[in-house]
């Protein structure tokens, strides 16, 4: 598997967005190999071949080298799960011989070849993009940007690029190990999924490049210091540089609020966001957004309440006693909860 490989991690609820990523990346890099890492089980009536057709290859998360996968998965909510498997997937791709590996979140669209990133990996082992490239003025903007980065991480792990060398493999092994141990949304404990760990990367590893191209990883959380415009040739520019990829994080929700707050009268921002919404809708599989995440429910279909996940994390004795915590028949966690802690099942 020589050459450059790109992968993304998602559930079927994000299928339409992941397809937009794959299609836009394919247009920019027909020579790259695109992998889908699916952290879910397919709904029974889904045409899986058609759904994942934009990708070259598919890996189910339960096929990764993660011992007692279902017991491990039960510790995580959806976002935690999709981020916790990224390190293991990166390790696998490097072991299989990829020269360079790029990870992109499924809610990203590519607008320009990422050749600059690819060239960075000729010299660097690890490439990261910071949430902010320029400081904000005044507490309101600082609270939304700098202070948020202090809580959730300096670098946005919707993107990372790694070369298959000693440093890159060491990073992949470390990232995989720490996220298998604890990849949780627990900001009060100083932890945010796979992302906050990467604040440590420039100190732990050699060959780290912090990418300062304003056209990379543009998102609602950096629009306060990035401006979009169309160039003379019709291409989108960000602070004068080509727009490489835009991260449409939390589109339709808090992402729209932040876009309006910091996009202000930059009409090109809204043109890009509206284009993306149309592209997602045009991809079909819209009903997928309503499909329940398989690992969010017991085998009966009942939701797994967050307090139950937290209990499972904290109780090695329960983890040792029950091999499949999703089960609802026989001697299982669900029966134990009904007997010992029924209130937790009510959420």
C-alpha atoms as a PDB file:
ATOM      1  CA  UNK A   1       0.000   0.000   0.000  1.00  0.00           C
ATOM      2  CA  UNK A   2       2.584   2.556  -1.087  1.00  0.00           C
ATOM      3  CA  UNK A   3       1.727   6.203  -1.730  1.00  0.00           C
ATOM      4  CA  UNK A   4      -0.548   8.564   0.177  1.00  0.00           C
ATOM      5  CA  UNK A   5      -3.580   7.220   1.995  1.00  0.00           C
ATOM      6  CA  UNK A   6      -6.409   9.282   3.482  1.00  0.00           C
ATOM      7  CA  UNK A   7      -8.999   8.001   5.926  1.00  0.00           C
ATOM      8  CA  UNK A   8     -11.972   9.320   7.822  1.00  0.00           C
ATOM      9  CA  UNK A   9     -13.932   7.938  10.783  1.00  0.00           C
ATOM     10  CA  UNK A  10     -17.726   8.113  10.977  1.00  0.00           C
ATOM     11  CA  UNK A  11     -21.030   6.457  11.792  1.00  0.00           C
ATOM     12  CA  UNK A  12     -23.829   5.925   9.287  1.00  0.00           C
ATOM     13  CA  UNK A  13     -25.509   9.031  10.682  1.00  0.00           C
ATOM     14  CA  UNK A  14     -22.713  11.019   8.991  1.00  0.00           C
ATOM     15  CA  UNK A  15     -22.828   9.051   5.739  1.00  0.00           C
ATOM     16  CA  UNK A  16     -23.880  11.952   3.474  1.00  0.00           C
ATOM     17  CA  UNK A  17     -21.139  14.183   4.858  1.00  0.00           C
ATOM     18  CA  UNK A  18     -18.494  11.492   4.526  1.00  0.00           C
ATOM     19  CA  UNK A  19     -19.505  11.021   0.886  1.00  0.00           C
ATOM     20  CA  UNK A  20     -18.991  14.757   0.221  1.00  0.00           C
ATOM     21  CA  UNK A  21     -15.527  14.503   1.756  1.00  0.00           C
ATOM     22  CA  UNK A  22     -14.664  11.505  -0.407  1.00  0.00           C
ATOM     23  CA  UNK A  23     -15.980  13.115  -3.595  1.00  0.00           C
ATOM     24  CA  UNK A  24     -14.169  16.413  -3.076  1.00  0.00           C
ATOM     25  CA  UNK A  25     -10.956  14.682  -2.058  1.00  0.00           C
ATOM     26  CA  UNK A  26     -11.179  12.369  -5.066  1.00  0.00           C
ATOM     27  CA  UNK A  27     -11.463  15.412  -7.362  1.00  0.00           C
ATOM     28  CA  UNK A  28      -8.353  16.960  -5.804  1.00  0.00           C
ATOM     29  CA  UNK A  29      -6.325  13.748  -5.434  1.00  0.00           C
ATOM     30  CA  UNK A  30      -7.363  10.925  -7.764  1.00  0.00           C
ATOM     31  CA  UNK A  31      -4.017   9.297  -6.934  1.00  0.00           C
ATOM     32  CA  UNK A  32      -4.721   8.943  -3.186  1.00  0.00           C
ATOM     33  CA  UNK A  33      -6.286   5.840  -1.670  1.00  0.00           C
ATOM     34  CA  UNK A  34      -9.400   6.714   0.364  1.00  0.00           C
ATOM     35  CA  UNK A  35     -10.464   4.612   3.337  1.00  0.00           C
ATOM     36  CA  UNK A  36     -13.714   4.744   5.295  1.00  0.00           C
ATOM     37  CA  UNK A  37     -13.424   3.727   8.946  1.00  0.00           C
ATOM     38  CA  UNK A  38     -17.011   2.902   9.927  1.00  0.00           C
ATOM     39  CA  UNK A  39     -17.708   2.979  13.662  1.00  0.00           C
ATOM     40  CA  UNK A  40     -21.147   1.442  13.385  1.00  0.00           C
ATOM     41  CA  UNK A  41     -23.108  -1.533  12.129  1.00  0.00           C
ATOM     42  CA  UNK A  42     -25.145  -1.041   8.934  1.00  0.00           C
ATOM     43  CA  UNK A  43     -28.937  -0.746   9.064  1.00  0.00           C
ATOM     44  CA  UNK A  44     -30.549  -3.868   7.580  1.00  0.00           C
ATOM     45  CA  UNK A  45     -31.979  -2.175   4.463  1.00  0.00           C
ATOM     46  CA  UNK A  46     -28.872  -0.154   3.523  1.00  0.00           C
ATOM     47  CA  UNK A  47     -27.183  -0.857   0.186  1.00  0.00           C
ATOM     48  CA  UNK A  48     -23.715  -0.817   1.687  1.00  0.00           C
ATOM     49  CA  UNK A  49     -21.896  -1.021  -1.641  1.00  0.00           C
ATOM     50  CA  UNK A  50     -23.734   2.024  -3.011  1.00  0.00           C
ATOM     51  CA  UNK A  51     -23.440   3.952   0.248  1.00  0.00           C
ATOM     52  CA  UNK A  52     -19.664   3.607   0.452  1.00  0.00           C
ATOM     53  CA  UNK A  53     -18.945   3.659  -3.288  1.00  0.00           C
ATOM     54  CA  UNK A  54     -16.903   6.920  -3.155  1.00  0.00           C
ATOM     55  CA  UNK A  55     -14.270   5.143  -1.037  1.00  0.00           C
ATOM     56  CA  UNK A  56     -11.582   2.748  -2.243  1.00  0.00           C
ATOM     57  CA  UNK A  57     -11.645   0.627   0.894  1.00  0.00           C
ATOM     58  CA  UNK A  58     -13.711   0.178   4.042  1.00  0.00           C
ATOM     59  CA  UNK A  59     -12.649  -0.867   7.535  1.00  0.00           C
ATOM     60  CA  UNK A  60     -15.184  -1.709  10.208  1.00  0.00           C
ATOM     61  CA  UNK A  61     -13.998  -0.496  13.607  1.00  0.00           C
ATOM     62  CA  UNK A  62     -14.702  -3.906  15.132  1.00  0.00           C
ATOM     63  CA  UNK A  63     -12.078  -5.370  12.765  1.00  0.00           C
ATOM     64  CA  UNK A  64      -9.291  -3.229  14.247  1.00  0.00           C
ATOM     65  CA  UNK A  65      -6.778  -4.702  16.670  1.00  0.00           C
ATOM     66  CA  UNK A  66      -8.685  -3.674  19.809  1.00  0.00           C
ATOM     67  CA  UNK A  67      -9.119  -6.466  22.387  1.00  0.00           C
ATOM     68  CA  UNK A  68     -12.646  -7.105  23.692  1.00  0.00           C
ATOM     69  CA  UNK A  69     -13.950  -4.541  21.246  1.00  0.00           C
ATOM     70  CA  UNK A  70     -17.587  -4.494  22.391  1.00  0.00           C
ATOM     71  CA  UNK A  71     -16.664  -4.147  26.060  1.00  0.00           C
ATOM     72  CA  UNK A  72     -14.253  -1.355  25.132  1.00  0.00           C
ATOM     73  CA  UNK A  73     -16.761   0.377  22.852  1.00  0.00           C
ATOM     74  CA  UNK A  74     -19.378   0.442  25.612  1.00  0.00           C
ATOM     75  CA  UNK A  75     -17.247   3.004  27.483  1.00  0.00           C
ATOM     76  CA  UNK A  76     -17.688   5.601  24.741  1.00  0.00           C
ATOM     77  CA  UNK A  77     -20.364   7.880  23.384  1.00  0.00           C
ATOM     78  CA  UNK A  78     -20.521   8.488  19.635  1.00  0.00           C
ATOM     79  CA  UNK A  79     -17.941  11.276  19.374  1.00  0.00           C
ATOM     80  CA  UNK A  80     -15.594   9.546  21.804  1.00  0.00           C
ATOM     81  CA  UNK A  81     -15.844   6.303  19.829  1.00  0.00           C
ATOM     82  CA  UNK A  82     -15.184   7.847  16.411  1.00  0.00           C
ATOM     83  CA  UNK A  83     -12.076   9.573  17.741  1.00  0.00           C
ATOM     84  CA  UNK A  84     -10.822   6.695  19.898  1.00  0.00           C
ATOM     85  CA  UNK A  85     -10.310   4.414  16.875  1.00  0.00           C
ATOM     86  CA  UNK A  86      -8.268   6.862  14.792  1.00  0.00           C
ATOM     87  CA  UNK A  87      -4.916   5.934  16.319  1.00  0.00           C
ATOM     88  CA  UNK A  88      -5.469   2.207  15.794  1.00  0.00           C
ATOM     89  CA  UNK A  89      -6.436   2.835  12.163  1.00  0.00           C
ATOM     90  CA  UNK A  90      -3.365   5.009  11.620  1.00  0.00           C
ATOM     91  CA  UNK A  91      -1.149   2.244  13.024  1.00  0.00           C
ATOM     92  CA  UNK A  92      -2.771  -0.303  10.729  1.00  0.00           C
ATOM     93  CA  UNK A  93      -2.268   1.805   7.593  1.00  0.00           C
ATOM     94  CA  UNK A  94       1.386   2.444   8.433  1.00  0.00           C
ATOM     95  CA  UNK A  95       1.956  -1.266   9.082  1.00  0.00           C
ATOM     96  CA  UNK A  96       0.464  -2.027   5.678  1.00  0.00           C
ATOM     97  CA  UNK A  97       3.044   0.191   4.034  1.00  0.00           C
ATOM     98  CA  UNK A  98       1.398   3.553   3.341  1.00  0.00           C
ATOM     99  CA  UNK A  99       4.145   6.117   2.768  1.00  0.00           C
ATOM    100  CA  UNK A 100       2.034   9.006   4.053  1.00  0.00           C
ATOM    101  CA  UNK A 101      -1.303   8.991   5.873  1.00  0.00           C
ATOM    102  CA  UNK A 102      -3.724  11.913   6.119  1.00  0.00           C
ATOM    103  CA  UNK A 103      -6.733  11.891   8.418  1.00  0.00           C
ATOM    104  CA  UNK A 104      -9.689  14.203   7.683  1.00  0.00           C
ATOM    105  CA  UNK A 105     -12.942  14.472   9.628  1.00  0.00           C
ATOM    106  CA  UNK A 106     -16.064  13.443   7.690  1.00  0.00           C
ATOM    107  CA  UNK A 107     -17.525  16.967   7.873  1.00  0.00           C
ATOM    108  CA  UNK A 108     -14.673  18.440   5.826  1.00  0.00           C
ATOM    109  CA  UNK A 109     -14.743  19.320   2.122  1.00  0.00           C
ATOM    110  CA  UNK A 110     -11.599  19.727   0.023  1.00  0.00           C
ATOM    111  CA  UNK A 111     -11.427  22.679  -2.382  1.00  0.00           C
ATOM    112  CA  UNK A 112      -7.835  22.540  -3.609  1.00  0.00           C
ATOM    113  CA  UNK A 113      -5.112  19.880  -3.848  1.00  0.00           C
ATOM    114  CA  UNK A 114      -3.315  19.250  -0.569  1.00  0.00           C
ATOM    115  CA  UNK A 115       0.009  18.965  -2.351  1.00  0.00           C
ATOM    116  CA  UNK A 116       1.604  21.354   0.128  1.00  0.00           C
ATOM    117  CA  UNK A 117       0.703  19.038   3.004  1.00  0.00           C
ATOM    118  CA  UNK A 118       2.010  16.078   1.030  1.00  0.00           C
ATOM    119  CA  UNK A 119       5.316  17.885   0.436  1.00  0.00           C
ATOM    120  CA  UNK A 120       5.575  18.802   4.122  1.00  0.00           C
ATOM    121  CA  UNK A 121       5.764  15.073   4.820  1.00  0.00           C
ATOM    122  CA  UNK A 122       8.908  14.804   2.696  1.00  0.00           C
ATOM    123  CA  UNK A 123      10.704  16.422   5.642  1.00  0.00           C
ATOM    124  CA  UNK A 124       8.297  16.415   8.607  1.00  0.00           C
ATOM    125  CA  UNK A 125       6.961  13.296  10.324  1.00  0.00           C
ATOM    126  CA  UNK A 126       3.779  14.783  11.782  1.00  0.00           C
ATOM    127  CA  UNK A 127       1.728  17.763  10.582  1.00  0.00           C
ATOM    128  CA  UNK A 128      -0.844  19.457  12.826  1.00  0.00           C
ATOM    129  CA  UNK A 129      -3.114  22.481  12.319  1.00  0.00           C
ATOM    130  CA  UNK A 130      -3.775  24.827  15.252  1.00  0.00           C
ATOM    131  CA  UNK A 131      -7.252  26.132  15.943  1.00  0.00           C
ATOM    132  CA  UNK A 132      -5.913  29.695  15.862  1.00  0.00           C
ATOM    133  CA  UNK A 133      -3.159  31.282  13.781  1.00  0.00           C
ATOM    134  CA  UNK A 134      -3.654  34.847  15.053  1.00  0.00           C
ATOM    135  CA  UNK A 135      -4.629  36.286  18.412  1.00  0.00           C
ATOM    136  CA  UNK A 136      -8.048  37.810  19.032  1.00  0.00           C
ATOM    137  CA  UNK A 137      -8.761  41.141  20.701  1.00  0.00           C
ATOM    138  CA  UNK A 138     -11.236  41.481  23.547  1.00  0.00           C
ATOM    139  CA  UNK A 139     -12.641  38.954  25.975  1.00  0.00           C
ATOM    140  CA  UNK A 140     -15.745  37.844  24.010  1.00  0.00           C
ATOM    141  CA  UNK A 141     -13.664  36.718  21.016  1.00  0.00           C
ATOM    142  CA  UNK A 142     -10.982  35.301  23.300  1.00  0.00           C
ATOM    143  CA  UNK A 143     -13.610  33.303  25.185  1.00  0.00           C
ATOM    144  CA  UNK A 144     -14.887  31.750  21.956  1.00  0.00           C
ATOM    145  CA  UNK A 145     -11.422  31.091  20.559  1.00  0.00           C
ATOM    146  CA  UNK A 146      -8.298  31.162  22.751  1.00  0.00           C
ATOM    147  CA  UNK A 147     -10.017  30.081  25.975  1.00  0.00           C
ATOM    148  CA  UNK A 148     -11.911  27.359  24.150  1.00  0.00           C
ATOM    149  CA  UNK A 149      -8.641  26.088  22.677  1.00  0.00           C
ATOM    150  CA  UNK A 150      -7.155  25.946  26.165  1.00  0.00           C
ATOM    151  CA  UNK A 151     -10.004  23.625  27.158  1.00  0.00           C
ATOM    152  CA  UNK A 152     -10.366  21.489  24.049  1.00  0.00           C
ATOM    153  CA  UNK A 153      -6.873  21.521  22.564  1.00  0.00           C
ATOM    154  CA  UNK A 154      -4.442  23.762  20.721  1.00  0.00           C
ATOM    155  CA  UNK A 155      -4.624  21.656  17.555  1.00  0.00           C
ATOM    156  CA  UNK A 156      -7.726  20.550  15.714  1.00  0.00           C
ATOM    157  CA  UNK A 157      -7.552  16.799  15.186  1.00  0.00           C
ATOM    158  CA  UNK A 158     -10.062  16.922  12.370  1.00  0.00           C
ATOM    159  CA  UNK A 159      -6.792  16.830  10.451  1.00  0.00           C
ATOM    160  CA  UNK A 160      -3.460  15.157  11.029  1.00  0.00           C
ATOM    161  CA  UNK A 161      -0.853  13.952   8.545  1.00  0.00           C
ATOM    162  CA  UNK A 162       1.863  11.397   9.293  1.00  0.00           C
ATOM    163  CA  UNK A 163       4.873  10.042   7.418  1.00  0.00           C
ATOM    164  CA  UNK A 164       5.822   6.388   7.699  1.00  0.00           C
ATOM    165  CA  UNK A 165       9.146   6.888   9.471  1.00  0.00           C
ATOM    166  CA  UNK A 166      10.376   6.232  13.008  1.00  0.00           C
ATOM    167  CA  UNK A 167       8.830   9.434  14.395  1.00  0.00           C
ATOM    168  CA  UNK A 168       5.521   8.911  12.594  1.00  0.00           C
ATOM    169  CA  UNK A 169       5.228   5.315  13.749  1.00  0.00           C
ATOM    170  CA  UNK A 170       6.128   6.299  17.319  1.00  0.00           C
ATOM    171  CA  UNK A 171       3.419   8.960  17.281  1.00  0.00           C
ATOM    172  CA  UNK A 172       0.853   6.504  15.908  1.00  0.00           C
ATOM    173  CA  UNK A 173       1.709   3.906  18.563  1.00  0.00           C
ATOM    174  CA  UNK A 174       1.486   6.488  21.358  1.00  0.00           C
ATOM    175  CA  UNK A 175      -1.750   8.063  20.102  1.00  0.00           C
ATOM    176  CA  UNK A 176      -3.332   4.657  19.661  1.00  0.00           C
ATOM    177  CA  UNK A 177      -2.285   3.572  23.163  1.00  0.00           C
ATOM    178  CA  UNK A 178      -3.494   6.661  25.028  1.00  0.00           C
ATOM    179  CA  UNK A 179      -6.817   6.792  23.206  1.00  0.00           C
ATOM    180  CA  UNK A 180      -7.481   3.122  23.913  1.00  0.00           C
ATOM    181  CA  UNK A 181      -6.943   3.856  27.597  1.00  0.00           C
ATOM    182  CA  UNK A 182      -8.953   7.068  27.876  1.00  0.00           C
ATOM    183  CA  UNK A 183     -10.565   8.915  24.961  1.00  0.00           C
ATOM    184  CA  UNK A 184     -13.357  10.738  26.718  1.00  0.00           C
ATOM    185  CA  UNK A 185     -15.097  14.097  26.687  1.00  0.00           C
ATOM    186  CA  UNK A 186     -14.083  15.044  30.222  1.00  0.00           C
ATOM    187  CA  UNK A 187     -12.906  18.639  30.018  1.00  0.00           C
ATOM    188  CA  UNK A 188     -12.981  19.085  33.798  1.00  0.00           C
ATOM    189  CA  UNK A 189     -10.360  16.335  34.042  1.00  0.00           C
ATOM    190  CA  UNK A 190      -8.245  18.028  31.350  1.00  0.00           C
ATOM    191  CA  UNK A 191      -9.258  15.536  28.671  1.00  0.00           C
ATOM    192  CA  UNK A 192     -11.046  15.977  25.369  1.00  0.00           C
ATOM    193  CA  UNK A 193     -11.236  12.841  23.226  1.00  0.00           C
ATOM    194  CA  UNK A 194      -8.137  12.250  21.078  1.00  0.00           C
ATOM    195  CA  UNK A 195      -7.507  15.960  20.620  1.00  0.00           C
ATOM    196  CA  UNK A 196      -6.236  17.368  23.915  1.00  0.00           C
ATOM    197  CA  UNK A 197      -3.492  14.737  24.063  1.00  0.00           C
ATOM    198  CA  UNK A 198      -1.955  16.267  20.956  1.00  0.00           C
ATOM    199  CA  UNK A 199      -1.036  19.443  22.828  1.00  0.00           C
ATOM    200  CA  UNK A 200       1.878  17.263  23.990  1.00  0.00           C
ATOM    201  CA  UNK A 201       3.000  16.155  20.535  1.00  0.00           C
ATOM    202  CA  UNK A 202       5.561  18.916  19.743  1.00  0.00           C
ATOM    203  CA  UNK A 203       7.280  18.169  23.057  1.00  0.00           C
ATOM    204  CA  UNK A 204       7.146  14.382  22.783  1.00  0.00           C
ATOM    205  CA  UNK A 205       8.184  13.828  19.170  1.00  0.00           C
ATOM    206  CA  UNK A 206      10.726  15.091  16.677  1.00  0.00           C
ATOM    207  CA  UNK A 207       9.769  16.121  13.178  1.00  0.00           C
ATOM    208  CA  UNK A 208       6.546  17.936  14.085  1.00  0.00           C
ATOM    209  CA  UNK A 209       5.387  20.667  11.712  1.00  0.00           C
ATOM    210  CA  UNK A 210       2.684  23.136  12.755  1.00  0.00           C
ATOM    211  CA  UNK A 211       0.941  24.135   9.519  1.00  0.00           C
ATOM    212  CA  UNK A 212       0.275  27.876   9.361  1.00  0.00           C
ATOM    213  CA  UNK A 213      -1.355  28.012   5.930  1.00  0.00           C
ATOM    214  CA  UNK A 214      -4.623  29.948   6.559  1.00  0.00           C
ATOM    215  CA  UNK A 215      -6.290  27.918   3.803  1.00  0.00           C
ATOM    216  CA  UNK A 216      -6.076  24.722   5.862  1.00  0.00           C
ATOM    217  CA  UNK A 217      -8.792  23.716   8.315  1.00  0.00           C
ATOM    218  CA  UNK A 218     -10.897  26.853   7.965  1.00  0.00           C
ATOM    219  CA  UNK A 219     -13.883  26.627  10.302  1.00  0.00           C
ATOM    220  CA  UNK A 220     -16.343  28.619  12.364  1.00  0.00           C
ATOM    221  CA  UNK A 221     -13.847  28.622  15.230  1.00  0.00           C
ATOM    222  CA  UNK A 222     -11.220  30.610  13.304  1.00  0.00           C
ATOM    223  CA  UNK A 223     -13.342  32.913  11.133  1.00  0.00           C
ATOM    224  CA  UNK A 224     -12.606  35.774  13.518  1.00  0.00           C
ATOM    225  CA  UNK A 225      -9.146  35.966  11.925  1.00  0.00           C
ATOM    226  CA  UNK A 226      -9.744  34.487   8.463  1.00  0.00           C
ATOM    227  CA  UNK A 227     -11.539  36.108   5.564  1.00  0.00           C
ATOM    228  CA  UNK A 228     -12.790  34.370   2.419  1.00  0.00           C
ATOM    229  CA  UNK A 229     -12.841  35.963  -1.034  1.00  0.00           C
ATOM    230  CA  UNK A 230     -12.996  34.843  -4.647  1.00  0.00           C
ATOM    231  CA  UNK A 231      -9.818  35.378  -6.650  1.00  0.00           C
ATOM    232  CA  UNK A 232      -9.679  36.631 -10.230  1.00  0.00           C
ATOM    233  CA  UNK A 233      -9.834  33.029 -11.478  1.00  0.00           C
ATOM    234  CA  UNK A 234     -12.906  32.270  -9.357  1.00  0.00           C
ATOM    235  CA  UNK A 235     -10.983  30.180  -6.816  1.00  0.00           C
ATOM    236  CA  UNK A 236     -11.676  30.726  -3.130  1.00  0.00           C
ATOM    237  CA  UNK A 237      -8.953  32.448  -1.134  1.00  0.00           C
ATOM    238  CA  UNK A 238      -8.437  32.708   2.624  1.00  0.00           C
ATOM    239  CA  UNK A 239      -6.383  35.718   3.693  1.00  0.00           C
ATOM    240  CA  UNK A 240      -4.959  35.620   0.165  1.00  0.00           C
ATOM    241  CA  UNK A 241      -4.064  31.907   0.183  1.00  0.00           C
ATOM    242  CA  UNK A 242      -5.994  29.194  -1.660  1.00  0.00           C
ATOM    243  CA  UNK A 243      -8.740  27.543   0.404  1.00  0.00           C
ATOM    244  CA  UNK A 244      -7.475  23.973   0.812  1.00  0.00           C
ATOM    245  CA  UNK A 245     -10.162  22.485   3.046  1.00  0.00           C
ATOM    246  CA  UNK A 246     -13.074  23.786   5.089  1.00  0.00           C
ATOM    247  CA  UNK A 247     -14.236  22.072   8.265  1.00  0.00           C
ATOM    248  CA  UNK A 248     -18.033  22.352   8.503  1.00  0.00           C
ATOM    249  CA  UNK A 249     -18.143  21.487  12.182  1.00  0.00           C
ATOM    250  CA  UNK A 250     -21.567  21.323  13.849  1.00  0.00           C
ATOM    251  CA  UNK A 251     -23.234  22.690  10.743  1.00  0.00           C
ATOM    252  CA  UNK A 252     -26.887  23.514  11.352  1.00  0.00           C
ATOM    253  CA  UNK A 253     -26.295  24.019  15.074  1.00  0.00           C
ATOM    254  CA  UNK A 254     -23.733  25.880  17.142  1.00  0.00           C
ATOM    255  CA  UNK A 255     -21.501  25.965  14.051  1.00  0.00           C
ATOM    256  CA  UNK A 256     -24.050  28.176  12.286  1.00  0.00           C
ATOM    257  CA  UNK A 257     -24.209  30.458  15.322  1.00  0.00           C
ATOM    258  CA  UNK A 258     -20.429  30.873  15.358  1.00  0.00           C
ATOM    259  CA  UNK A 259     -20.356  31.350  11.581  1.00  0.00           C
ATOM    260  CA  UNK A 260     -22.862  34.200  11.829  1.00  0.00           C
ATOM    261  CA  UNK A 261     -21.019  35.719  14.784  1.00  0.00           C
ATOM    262  CA  UNK A 262     -17.612  35.816  13.123  1.00  0.00           C
ATOM    263  CA  UNK A 263     -18.432  35.590   9.420  1.00  0.00           C
ATOM    264  CA  UNK A 264     -20.323  38.868   9.776  1.00  0.00           C
ATOM    265  CA  UNK A 265     -20.632  40.431   6.297  1.00  0.00           C
ATOM    266  CA  UNK A 266     -18.145  38.071   4.626  1.00  0.00           C
ATOM    267  CA  UNK A 267     -20.708  36.809   2.100  1.00  0.00           C
ATOM    268  CA  UNK A 268     -18.297  34.250   0.638  1.00  0.00           C
ATOM    269  CA  UNK A 269     -18.422  32.368   3.946  1.00  0.00           C
ATOM    270  CA  UNK A 270     -22.178  31.911   3.627  1.00  0.00           C
ATOM    271  CA  UNK A 271     -21.833  30.911  -0.016  1.00  0.00           C
ATOM    272  CA  UNK A 272     -19.443  28.126   1.003  1.00  0.00           C
ATOM    273  CA  UNK A 273     -21.659  26.965   3.874  1.00  0.00           C
ATOM    274  CA  UNK A 274     -24.774  26.960   1.689  1.00  0.00           C
ATOM    275  CA  UNK A 275     -22.904  25.083  -1.039  1.00  0.00           C
ATOM    276  CA  UNK A 276     -21.965  22.435   1.516  1.00  0.00           C
ATOM    277  CA  UNK A 277     -25.514  22.042   2.783  1.00  0.00           C
ATOM    278  CA  UNK A 278     -26.698  21.544  -0.796  1.00  0.00           C
ATOM    279  CA  UNK A 279     -23.902  19.052  -1.492  1.00  0.00           C
ATOM    280  CA  UNK A 280     -24.834  16.992   1.572  1.00  0.00           C
ATOM    281  CA  UNK A 281     -28.508  17.009   0.583  1.00  0.00           C
ATOM    282  CA  UNK A 282     -27.683  16.080  -3.020  1.00  0.00           C
ATOM    283  CA  UNK A 283     -25.764  13.033  -1.854  1.00  0.00           C
ATOM    284  CA  UNK A 284     -28.912  11.285  -0.727  1.00  0.00           C
ATOM    285  CA  UNK A 285     -28.961   8.986   2.287  1.00  0.00           C
ATOM    286  CA  UNK A 286     -30.482  11.926   4.203  1.00  0.00           C
ATOM    287  CA  UNK A 287     -32.511   9.508   6.310  1.00  0.00           C
ATOM    288  CA  UNK A 288     -29.180   8.165   7.557  1.00  0.00           C
ATOM    289  CA  UNK A 289     -28.910  11.166   9.867  1.00  0.00           C
ATOM    290  CA  UNK A 290     -31.807   9.695  11.842  1.00  0.00           C
ATOM    291  CA  UNK A 291     -30.465   6.148  11.990  1.00  0.00           C
ATOM    292  CA  UNK A 292     -29.648   5.184  15.572  1.00  0.00           C
ATOM    293  CA  UNK A 293     -26.003   4.498  16.283  1.00  0.00           C
ATOM    294  CA  UNK A 294     -25.701   0.783  16.895  1.00  0.00           C
ATOM    295  CA  UNK A 295     -23.274   1.173  19.799  1.00  0.00           C
ATOM    296  CA  UNK A 296     -25.566   3.712  21.417  1.00  0.00           C
ATOM    297  CA  UNK A 297     -28.158   1.022  22.223  1.00  0.00           C
ATOM    298  CA  UNK A 298     -28.485  -2.262  24.022  1.00  0.00           C
ATOM    299  CA  UNK A 299     -29.281  -5.329  21.925  1.00  0.00           C
ATOM    300  CA  UNK A 300     -32.960  -4.696  22.703  1.00  0.00           C
ATOM    301  CA  UNK A 301     -32.792  -1.285  21.004  1.00  0.00           C
ATOM    302  CA  UNK A 302     -33.060   0.659  24.275  1.00  0.00           C
ATOM    303  CA  UNK A 303     -30.603   3.576  24.537  1.00  0.00           C
ATOM    304  CA  UNK A 304     -27.535   3.180  26.741  1.00  0.00           C
ATOM    305  CA  UNK A 305     -27.752   6.076  29.245  1.00  0.00           C
ATOM    306  CA  UNK A 306     -24.553   8.012  29.835  1.00  0.00           C
ATOM    307  CA  UNK A 307     -24.499   7.174  33.583  1.00  0.00           C
ATOM    308  CA  UNK A 308     -24.360   3.495  32.627  1.00  0.00           C
ATOM    309  CA  UNK A 309     -21.321   4.123  30.412  1.00  0.00           C
ATOM    310  CA  UNK A 310     -19.621   6.059  33.197  1.00  0.00           C
ATOM    311  CA  UNK A 311     -20.291   3.236  35.655  1.00  0.00           C
ATOM    312  CA  UNK A 312     -18.862   0.701  33.200  1.00  0.00           C
ATOM    313  CA  UNK A 313     -15.686   2.769  32.792  1.00  0.00           C
ATOM    314  CA  UNK A 314     -15.197   2.992  36.545  1.00  0.00           C
ATOM    315  CA  UNK A 315     -15.869  -0.666  37.426  1.00  0.00           C
ATOM    316  CA  UNK A 316     -13.197  -3.155  36.328  1.00  0.00           C
ATOM    317  CA  UNK A 317     -15.110  -5.851  38.212  1.00  0.00           C
ATOM    318  CA  UNK A 318     -18.124  -5.395  35.936  1.00  0.00           C
ATOM    319  CA  UNK A 319     -15.876  -5.351  32.870  1.00  0.00           C
ATOM    320  CA  UNK A 320     -14.397  -8.670  33.976  1.00  0.00           C
ATOM    321  CA  UNK A 321     -17.787 -10.189  34.754  1.00  0.00           C
ATOM    322  CA  UNK A 322     -19.624  -9.367  31.512  1.00  0.00           C
ATOM    323  CA  UNK A 323     -18.061  -9.948  28.120  1.00  0.00           C
ATOM    324  CA  UNK A 324     -20.740  -8.157  26.065  1.00  0.00           C
ATOM    325  CA  UNK A 325     -22.300  -5.250  27.977  1.00  0.00           C
ATOM    326  CA  UNK A 326     -24.806  -4.651  25.164  1.00  0.00           C
ATOM    327  CA  UNK A 327     -26.502  -8.016  25.802  1.00  0.00           C
ATOM    328  CA  UNK A 328     -29.941  -8.123  27.450  1.00  0.00           C
ATOM    329  CA  UNK A 329     -30.440 -11.867  27.945  1.00  0.00           C
ATOM    330  CA  UNK A 330     -28.931 -14.340  30.376  1.00  0.00           C
ATOM    331  CA  UNK A 331     -26.356 -13.324  32.967  1.00  0.00           C
ATOM    332  CA  UNK A 332     -25.580  -9.871  31.584  1.00  0.00           C
ATOM    333  CA  UNK A 333     -24.834  -6.310  32.635  1.00  0.00           C
ATOM    334  CA  UNK A 334     -28.377  -5.219  31.813  1.00  0.00           C
ATOM    335  CA  UNK A 335     -29.831  -7.817  34.197  1.00  0.00           C
ATOM    336  CA  UNK A 336     -27.348  -6.780  36.878  1.00  0.00           C
ATOM    337  CA  UNK A 337     -28.359  -3.129  36.470  1.00  0.00           C
ATOM    338  CA  UNK A 338     -32.054  -3.992  36.688  1.00  0.00           C
ATOM    339  CA  UNK A 339     -31.348  -5.777  39.934  1.00  0.00           C
ATOM    340  CA  UNK A 340     -28.742  -3.512  41.545  1.00  0.00           C
ATOM    341  CA  UNK A 341     -29.085  -0.033  40.005  1.00  0.00           C
ATOM    342  CA  UNK A 342     -32.370   0.227  38.097  1.00  0.00           C
ATOM    343  CA  UNK A 343     -32.369   4.038  38.307  1.00  0.00           C
ATOM    344  CA  UNK A 344     -29.315   4.193  36.018  1.00  0.00           C
ATOM    345  CA  UNK A 345     -31.231   2.529  33.200  1.00  0.00           C
ATOM    346  CA  UNK A 346     -33.743   5.361  33.345  1.00  0.00           C
ATOM    347  CA  UNK A 347     -30.946   7.797  32.576  1.00  0.00           C
END
